[in-house]
PDB file of N, CA and C in Angstrom:
ATOM      1  N   MET A   1     -25.287   1.563  10.936  1.00  0.00           N
ATOM      2  CA  MET A   1     -24.702   1.876   9.304  1.00  0.00           C
ATOM      3  C   MET A   1     -25.501   0.706   8.855  1.00  0.00           C
ATOM      4  N   THR A   2     -25.588   1.060   7.343  1.00  0.00           N
ATOM      5  CA  THR A   2     -26.233   0.745   6.388  1.00  0.00           C
ATOM      6  C   THR A   2     -25.452   0.377   5.364  1.00  0.00           C
ATOM      7  N   CYS A   3     -25.954  -0.518   4.636  1.00  0.00           N
ATOM      8  CA  CYS A   3     -25.508  -1.396   3.453  1.00  0.00           C
ATOM      9  C   CYS A   3     -25.917  -0.273   2.487  1.00  0.00           C
ATOM     10  N   THR A   4     -24.596  -0.423   0.959  1.00  0.00           N
ATOM     11  CA  THR A   4     -24.965   0.469   0.038  1.00  0.00           C
ATOM     12  C   THR A   4     -24.467  -0.362  -1.216  1.00  0.00           C
ATOM     13  N   THR A   5     -24.966  -0.128  -2.233  1.00  0.00           N
ATOM     14  CA  THR A   5     -24.238  -0.705  -3.835  1.00  0.00           C
ATOM     15  C   THR A   5     -24.623   0.375  -4.287  1.00  0.00           C
ATOM     16  N   GLY A   6     -24.736   1.780  -4.263  1.00  0.00           N
ATOM     17  CA  GLY A   6     -24.577   3.018  -5.010  1.00  0.00           C
ATOM     18  C   GLY A   6     -23.287   3.131  -4.996  1.00  0.00           C
ATOM     19  N   THR A   7     -22.783   3.938  -6.250  1.00  0.00           N
ATOM     20  CA  THR A   7     -20.922   4.230  -6.073  1.00  0.00           C
ATOM     21  C   THR A   7     -20.754   5.297  -5.326  1.00  0.00           C
ATOM     22  N   VAL A   8     -21.403   6.528  -5.661  1.00  0.00           N
ATOM     23  CA  VAL A   8     -20.942   7.851  -4.873  1.00  0.00           C
ATOM     24  C   VAL A   8     -21.161   7.842  -3.033  1.00  0.00           C
ATOM     25  N   CYS A   9     -20.578   8.569  -3.161  1.00  0.00           N
ATOM     26  CA  CYS A   9     -21.268   8.586  -1.204  1.00  0.00           C
ATOM     27  C   CYS A   9     -22.323   9.196  -1.294  1.00  0.00           C
ATOM     28  N   PRO A  10     -23.426   9.012  -0.623  1.00  0.00           N
ATOM     29  CA  PRO A  10     -24.923   9.525  -0.747  1.00  0.00           C
ATOM     30  C   PRO A  10     -25.353  10.834   0.000  1.00  0.00           C
ATOM     31  N   HIS A  11     -23.864  10.999   1.362  1.00  0.00           N
ATOM     32  CA  HIS A  11     -23.902  12.487   2.069  1.00  0.00           C
ATOM     33  C   HIS A  11     -23.155  13.530   1.473  1.00  0.00           C
ATOM     34  N   CYS A  12     -21.643  13.099   0.809  1.00  0.00           N
ATOM     35  CA  CYS A  12     -21.588  14.270  -0.318  1.00  0.00           C
ATOM     36  C   CYS A  12     -21.059  14.515  -1.608  1.00  0.00           C
ATOM     37  N   GLY A  13     -21.548  13.041  -2.212  1.00  0.00           N
ATOM     38  CA  GLY A  13     -21.539  12.664  -3.450  1.00  0.00           C
ATOM     39  C   GLY A  13     -20.184  12.564  -4.221  1.00  0.00           C
ATOM     40  N   TRP A  14     -19.561  11.947  -3.135  1.00  0.00           N
ATOM     41  CA  TRP A  14     -18.096  11.890  -3.877  1.00  0.00           C
ATOM     42  C   TRP A  14     -17.969  10.103  -4.293  1.00  0.00           C
ATOM     43  N   PRO A  15     -17.566  10.188  -5.338  1.00  0.00           N
ATOM     44  CA  PRO A  15     -17.218   8.637  -6.314  1.00  0.00           C
ATOM     45  C   PRO A  15     -16.600   8.356  -4.826  1.00  0.00           C
ATOM     46  N   ASP A  16     -17.153   6.311  -5.092  1.00  0.00           N
ATOM     47  CA  ASP A  16     -16.111   5.397  -3.910  1.00  0.00           C
ATOM     48  C   ASP A  16     -15.347   4.723  -3.909  1.00  0.00           C
ATOM     49  N   GLY A  17     -15.215   4.944  -5.907  1.00  0.00           N
ATOM     50  CA  GLY A  17     -13.253   4.543  -5.900  1.00  0.00           C
ATOM     51  C   GLY A  17     -12.266   5.606  -6.023  1.00  0.00           C
ATOM     52  N   GLY A  18     -12.753   6.808  -5.280  1.00  0.00           N
ATOM     53  CA  GLY A  18     -12.152   8.182  -4.831  1.00  0.00           C
ATOM     54  C   GLY A  18     -11.400   8.340  -4.328  1.00  0.00           C
ATOM     55  N   GLU A  19     -10.494   8.816  -3.627  1.00  0.00           N
ATOM     56  CA  GLU A  19      -9.517   9.114  -2.950  1.00  0.00           C
ATOM     57  C   GLU A  19      -9.676   9.545  -1.822  1.00  0.00           C
ATOM     58  N   PRO A  20     -10.744  10.711  -1.310  1.00  0.00           N
ATOM     59  CA  PRO A  20     -10.666  11.824  -0.376  1.00  0.00           C
ATOM     60  C   PRO A  20     -11.288  10.844   0.920  1.00  0.00           C
ATOM     61  N   PHE A  21     -10.344  10.051   1.140  1.00  0.00           N
ATOM     62  CA  PHE A  21      -9.988   8.423   3.091  1.00  0.00           C
ATOM     63  C   PHE A  21      -9.055   8.900   3.380  1.00  0.00           C
ATOM     64  N   GLN A  22      -9.182   8.150   4.008  1.00  0.00           N
ATOM     65  CA  GLN A  22      -8.031   7.918   5.581  1.00  0.00           C
ATOM     66  C   GLN A  22      -8.653   6.389   5.249  1.00  0.00           C
ATOM     67  N   VAL A  23      -7.059   5.460   5.178  1.00  0.00           N
ATOM     68  CA  VAL A  23      -7.845   4.008   5.551  1.00  0.00           C
ATOM     69  C   VAL A  23      -7.385   3.840   7.063  1.00  0.00           C
ATOM     70  N   LEU A  24      -8.305   3.467   7.835  1.00  0.00           N
ATOM     71  CA  LEU A  24      -7.888   3.355   9.204  1.00  0.00           C
ATOM     72  C   LEU A  24      -7.587   1.915   9.825  1.00  0.00           C
ATOM     73  N   SER A  25      -7.669   0.880   9.095  1.00  0.00           N
ATOM     74  CA  SER A  25      -7.371  -0.295   9.018  1.00  0.00           C
ATOM     75  C   SER A  25      -7.734  -1.154   7.977  1.00  0.00           C
ATOM     76  N   ARG A  26      -6.936  -2.340   7.706  1.00  0.00           N
ATOM     77  CA  ARG A  26      -6.996  -3.670   6.323  1.00  0.00           C
ATOM     78  C   ARG A  26      -6.869  -4.580   7.062  1.00  0.00           C
ATOM     79  N   HIS A  27      -7.851  -5.156   6.474  1.00  0.00           N
ATOM     80  CA  HIS A  27      -7.285  -6.836   7.014  1.00  0.00           C
ATOM     81  C   HIS A  27      -7.782  -7.792   5.509  1.00  0.00           C
ATOM     82  N   ALA A  28      -6.805  -8.692   5.268  1.00  0.00           N
ATOM     83  CA  ALA A  28      -6.483  -9.852   4.518  1.00  0.00           C
ATOM     84  C   ALA A  28      -7.441 -10.898   4.984  1.00  0.00           C
ATOM     85  N   THR A  29      -8.657 -10.960   4.008  1.00  0.00           N
ATOM     86  CA  THR A  29      -9.758 -11.920   3.636  1.00  0.00           C
ATOM     87  C   THR A  29      -9.105 -13.378   2.747  1.00  0.00           C
ATOM     88  N   ALA A  30      -9.812 -14.647   2.194  1.00  0.00           N
ATOM     89  CA  ALA A  30      -9.706 -15.411   1.810  1.00  0.00           C
ATOM     90  C   ALA A  30      -9.942 -15.323   0.837  1.00  0.00           C
ATOM     91  N   THR A  31     -10.450 -13.757   0.163  1.00  0.00           N
ATOM     92  CA  THR A  31     -10.686 -13.728  -1.576  1.00  0.00           C
ATOM     93  C   THR A  31     -10.201 -12.573  -1.511  1.00  0.00           C
ATOM     94  N   GLY A  32      -9.902 -11.513  -0.491  1.00  0.00           N
ATOM     95  CA  GLY A  32      -8.888 -10.567  -0.570  1.00  0.00           C
ATOM     96  C   GLY A  32      -8.393  -9.534   0.437  1.00  0.00           C
ATOM     97  N   ARG A  33      -9.292  -8.585   0.492  1.00  0.00           N
ATOM     98  CA  ARG A  33      -9.553  -7.916   1.840  1.00  0.00           C
ATOM     99  C   ARG A  33     -10.362  -6.804   2.233  1.00  0.00           C
ATOM    100  N   THR A  34     -10.345  -6.902   3.737  1.00  0.00           N
ATOM    101  CA  THR A  34     -11.694  -5.753   3.947  1.00  0.00           C
ATOM    102  C   THR A  34     -10.925  -4.077   4.290  1.00  0.00           C
ATOM    103  N   GLU A  35     -11.236  -3.177   4.115  1.00  0.00           N
ATOM    104  CA  GLU A  35     -10.701  -2.093   4.829  1.00  0.00           C
ATOM    105  C   GLU A  35     -11.709  -1.032   5.143  1.00  0.00           C
ATOM    106  N   TRP A  36     -11.501  -0.560   6.435  1.00  0.00           N
ATOM    107  CA  TRP A  36     -12.184   0.277   6.887  1.00  0.00           C
ATOM    108  C   TRP A  36     -11.649   1.645   6.807  1.00  0.00           C
ATOM    109  N   THR A  37     -12.523   2.567   6.545  1.00  0.00           N
ATOM    110  CA  THR A  37     -12.094   3.780   5.748  1.00  0.00           C
ATOM    111  C   THR A  37     -12.710   4.934   6.278  1.00  0.00           C
ATOM    112  N   ARG A  38     -12.543   6.642   6.090  1.00  0.00           N
ATOM    113  CA  ARG A  38     -13.011   7.580   6.351  1.00  0.00           C
ATOM    114  C   ARG A  38     -12.844   8.456   4.999  1.00  0.00           C
ATOM    115  N   CYS A  39     -14.497   8.836   4.534  1.00  0.00           N
ATOM    116  CA  CYS A  39     -14.827   9.550   3.468  1.00  0.00           C
ATOM    117  C   CYS A  39     -14.300  11.061   4.082  1.00  0.00           C
ATOM    118  N   GLY A  40     -14.083  11.942   2.826  1.00  0.00           N
ATOM    119  CA  GLY A  40     -14.004  12.992   3.044  1.00  0.00           C
ATOM    120  C   GLY A  40     -14.796  14.162   3.782  1.00  0.00           C
ATOM    121  N   CYS A  41     -16.005  12.985   3.871  1.00  0.00           N
ATOM    122  CA  CYS A  41     -17.136  14.053   4.803  1.00  0.00           C
ATOM    123  C   CYS A  41     -17.321  13.846   5.949  1.00  0.00           C
ATOM    124  N   GLY A  42     -16.501  12.461   6.280  1.00  0.00           N
ATOM    125  CA  GLY A  42     -16.088  11.728   7.717  1.00  0.00           C
ATOM    126  C   GLY A  42     -17.119  10.610   8.110  1.00  0.00           C
ATOM    127  N   SER A  43     -17.923  10.648   6.609  1.00  0.00           N
ATOM    128  CA  SER A  43     -18.331   8.637   7.127  1.00  0.00           C
ATOM    129  C   SER A  43     -17.844   7.727   7.042  1.00  0.00           C
ATOM    130  N   LEU A  44     -17.771   6.982   8.098  1.00  0.00           N
ATOM    131  CA  LEU A  44     -16.946   5.811   8.414  1.00  0.00           C
ATOM    132  C   LEU A  44     -17.568   4.511   7.459  1.00  0.00           C
ATOM    133  N   GLN A  45     -16.779   3.996   6.712  1.00  0.00           N
ATOM    134  CA  GLN A  45     -17.149   3.021   5.276  1.00  0.00           C
ATOM    135  C   GLN A  45     -16.207   2.025   5.618  1.00  0.00           C
ATOM    136  N   VAL A  46     -17.159   0.857   5.200  1.00  0.00           N
ATOM    137  CA  VAL A  46     -16.264  -0.627   5.205  1.00  0.00           C
ATOM    138  C   VAL A  46     -16.395  -0.900   3.986  1.00  0.00           C
ATOM    139  N   ARG A  47     -15.120  -1.344   3.547  1.00  0.00           N
ATOM    140  CA  ARG A  47     -14.582  -1.716   1.553  1.00  0.00           C
ATOM    141  C   ARG A  47     -14.434  -3.017   1.447  1.00  0.00           C
ATOM    142  N   VAL A  48     -14.738  -3.841   0.503  1.00  0.00           N
ATOM    143  CA  VAL A  48     -14.074  -5.226   0.265  1.00  0.00           C
ATOM    144  C   VAL A  48     -13.901  -4.730  -0.774  1.00  0.00           C
ATOM    145  N   VAL A  49     -12.179  -5.606  -1.163  1.00  0.00           N
ATOM    146  CA  VAL A  49     -11.773  -5.200  -2.307  1.00  0.00           C
ATOM    147  C   VAL A  49     -11.575  -6.607  -2.590  1.00  0.00           C
ATOM    148  N   ASP A  50     -11.684  -7.432  -3.636  1.00  0.00           N
ATOM    149  CA  ASP A  50     -11.877  -8.594  -3.944  1.00  0.00           C
ATOM    150  C   ASP A  50     -11.857  -9.037  -5.618  1.00  0.00           C
ATOM    151  N   GLY A  51     -11.272 -10.063  -6.071  1.00  0.00           N
ATOM    152  CA  GLY A  51     -11.690 -10.493  -7.364  1.00  0.00           C
ATOM    153  C   GLY A  51     -13.040  -9.576  -8.134  1.00  0.00           C
ATOM    154  N   CYS A  52     -14.161  -9.108  -7.423  1.00  0.00           N
ATOM    155  CA  CYS A  52     -14.718  -8.483  -7.987  1.00  0.00           C
ATOM    156  C   CYS A  52     -15.181  -6.976  -8.157  1.00  0.00           C
ATOM    157  N   GLY A  53     -13.421  -6.560  -7.695  1.00  0.00           N
ATOM    158  CA  GLY A  53     -12.988  -4.581  -7.405  1.00  0.00           C
ATOM    159  C   GLY A  53     -13.486  -4.607  -6.110  1.00  0.00           C
ATOM    160  N   LEU A  54     -13.601  -3.363  -6.457  1.00  0.00           N
ATOM    161  CA  LEU A  54     -14.078  -2.426  -4.812  1.00  0.00           C
ATOM    162  C   LEU A  54     -15.228  -2.201  -4.460  1.00  0.00           C
ATOM    163  N   ARG A  55     -15.944  -1.899  -3.450  1.00  0.00           N
ATOM    164  CA  ARG A  55     -17.259  -1.918  -3.564  1.00  0.00           C
ATOM    165  C   ARG A  55     -17.457  -1.370  -1.574  1.00  0.00           C
ATOM    166  N   VAL A  56     -18.347  -0.951  -1.584  1.00  0.00           N
ATOM    167  CA  VAL A  56     -18.124  -0.171  -0.326  1.00  0.00           C
ATOM    168  C   VAL A  56     -19.458  -1.193   0.064  1.00  0.00           C
ATOM    169  N   VAL A  57     -19.820  -1.308   1.421  1.00  0.00           N
ATOM    170  CA  VAL A  57     -20.694  -2.789   2.160  1.00  0.00           C
ATOM    171  C   VAL A  57     -21.682  -2.129   3.225  1.00  0.00           C
ATOM    172  N   SER A  58     -20.595  -1.054   3.739  1.00  0.00           N
ATOM    173  CA  SER A  58     -21.447  -0.575   4.710  1.00  0.00           C
ATOM    174  C   SER A  58     -20.725   0.976   5.519  1.00  0.00           C
ATOM    175  N   ARG A  59     -21.675   1.849   5.296  1.00  0.00           N
ATOM    176  CA  ARG A  59     -21.274   3.662   5.954  1.00  0.00           C
ATOM    177  C   ARG A  59     -22.068   4.099   6.566  1.00  0.00           C
ATOM    178  N   SER A  60     -21.191   4.929   7.300  1.00  0.00           N
ATOM    179  CA  SER A  60     -22.207   5.553   8.843  1.00  0.00           C
ATOM    180  C   SER A  60     -22.245   6.823   8.084  1.00  0.00           C
ATOM    181  N   ARG A  61     -23.429   7.400   9.046  1.00  0.00           N
ATOM    182  CA  ARG A  61     -23.276   8.857   8.228  1.00  0.00           C
ATOM    183  C   ARG A  61     -22.171   9.876   8.967  1.00  0.00           C
ATOM    184  N   PRO A  62     -22.229  11.083   8.493  1.00  0.00           N
ATOM    185  CA  PRO A  62     -21.144  11.968   8.779  1.00  0.00           C
ATOM    186  C   PRO A  62     -21.077  12.869  10.212  1.00  0.00           C
ATOM    187  N   PRO A  63     -20.224  13.063  11.072  1.00  0.00           N
ATOM    188  CA  PRO A  63     -20.331  13.192  12.589  1.00  0.00           C
ATOM    189  C   PRO A  63     -21.192  14.382  12.179  1.00  0.00           C
ATOM    190  N   SER A  64     -22.408  14.882  13.766  1.00  0.00           N
ATOM    191  CA  SER A  64     -23.055  15.950  13.243  1.00  0.00           C
ATOM    192  C   SER A  64     -22.313  17.244  13.076  1.00  0.00           C
ATOM    193  N   GLY A  65     -22.847  18.350  12.754  1.00  0.00           N
ATOM    194  CA  GLY A  65     -22.480  19.277  12.883  1.00  0.00           C
ATOM    195  C   GLY A  65     -21.183  19.205  10.936  1.00  0.00           C
ATOM    196  N   SER A  66     -21.418  18.278  10.288  1.00  0.00           N
ATOM    197  CA  SER A  66     -20.584  17.958   9.000  1.00  0.00           C
ATOM    198  C   SER A  66     -21.168  19.010   8.290  1.00  0.00           C
ATOM    199  N   ALA A  67     -20.725  19.415   7.114  1.00  0.00           N
ATOM    200  CA  ALA A  67     -21.753  19.833   5.639  1.00  0.00           C
ATOM    201  C   ALA A  67     -23.048  18.908   5.341  1.00  0.00           C
ATOM    202  N   PRO A  68     -23.654  19.354   5.040  1.00  0.00           N
ATOM    203  CA  PRO A  68     -24.847  18.826   4.377  1.00  0.00           C
ATOM    204  C   PRO A  68     -24.645  18.092   3.065  1.00  0.00           C
ATOM    205  N   ALA A  69     -25.290  16.940   2.799  1.00  0.00           N
ATOM    206  CA  ALA A  69     -25.129  16.390   1.293  1.00  0.00           C
ATOM    207  C   ALA A  69     -25.521  17.240   0.365  1.00  0.00           C
ATOM    208  N   GLN A  70     -24.712  16.917  -0.645  1.00  0.00           N
ATOM    209  CA  GLN A  70     -24.478  17.748  -1.847  1.00  0.00           C
ATOM    210  C   GLN A  70     -25.878  17.256  -2.609  1.00  0.00           C
ATOM    211  N   SER A  71     -26.136  17.226  -3.598  1.00  0.00           N
ATOM    212  CA  SER A  71     -26.906  17.076  -4.374  1.00  0.00           C
ATOM    213  C   SER A  71     -26.185  16.092  -6.242  1.00  0.00           C
ATOM    214  N   GLY A  72     -26.224  15.609  -6.546  1.00  0.00           N
ATOM    215  CA  GLY A  72     -25.385  15.440  -8.206  1.00  0.00           C
ATOM    216  C   GLY A  72     -23.880  15.215  -8.017  1.00  0.00           C
ATOM    217  N   THR A  73     -22.699  15.978  -8.630  1.00  0.00           N
ATOM    218  CA  THR A  73     -21.481  15.285  -8.400  1.00  0.00           C
ATOM    219  C   THR A  73     -21.010  16.359  -7.481  1.00  0.00           C
ATOM    220  N   ALA A  74     -19.686  15.406  -6.697  1.00  0.00           N
ATOM    221  CA  ALA A  74     -19.341  16.494  -5.643  1.00  0.00           C
ATOM    222  C   ALA A  74     -18.481  17.691  -6.600  1.00  0.00           C
ATOM    223  N   ASN A  75     -18.247  18.435  -5.612  1.00  0.00           N
ATOM    224  CA  ASN A  75     -17.307  20.005  -6.221  1.00  0.00           C
ATOM    225  C   ASN A  75     -16.764  20.264  -4.880  1.00  0.00           C
ATOM    226  N   ARG A  76     -15.906  19.100  -5.077  1.00  0.00           N
ATOM    227  CA  ARG A  76     -14.410  19.132  -4.590  1.00  0.00           C
ATOM    228  C   ARG A  76     -13.207  18.990  -5.720  1.00  0.00           C
TER     229      ARG A  76
END
């Protein structure tokens, strides 16, 4: 997994703040919560939600055989 500071998934172009993901687990922290989610393209993501908002701090590649990354914005 790699750290990310972008605002869209580098694999499918979907906005990180969008809703095409499945929440796999949610854990309370001292400053907010950590969520393990799956993007619509299948990429596993670790999201931190706190007073600064939501940010994806780590993500994997989509599973093998999934659709290739799209350039620009998502066409979903």
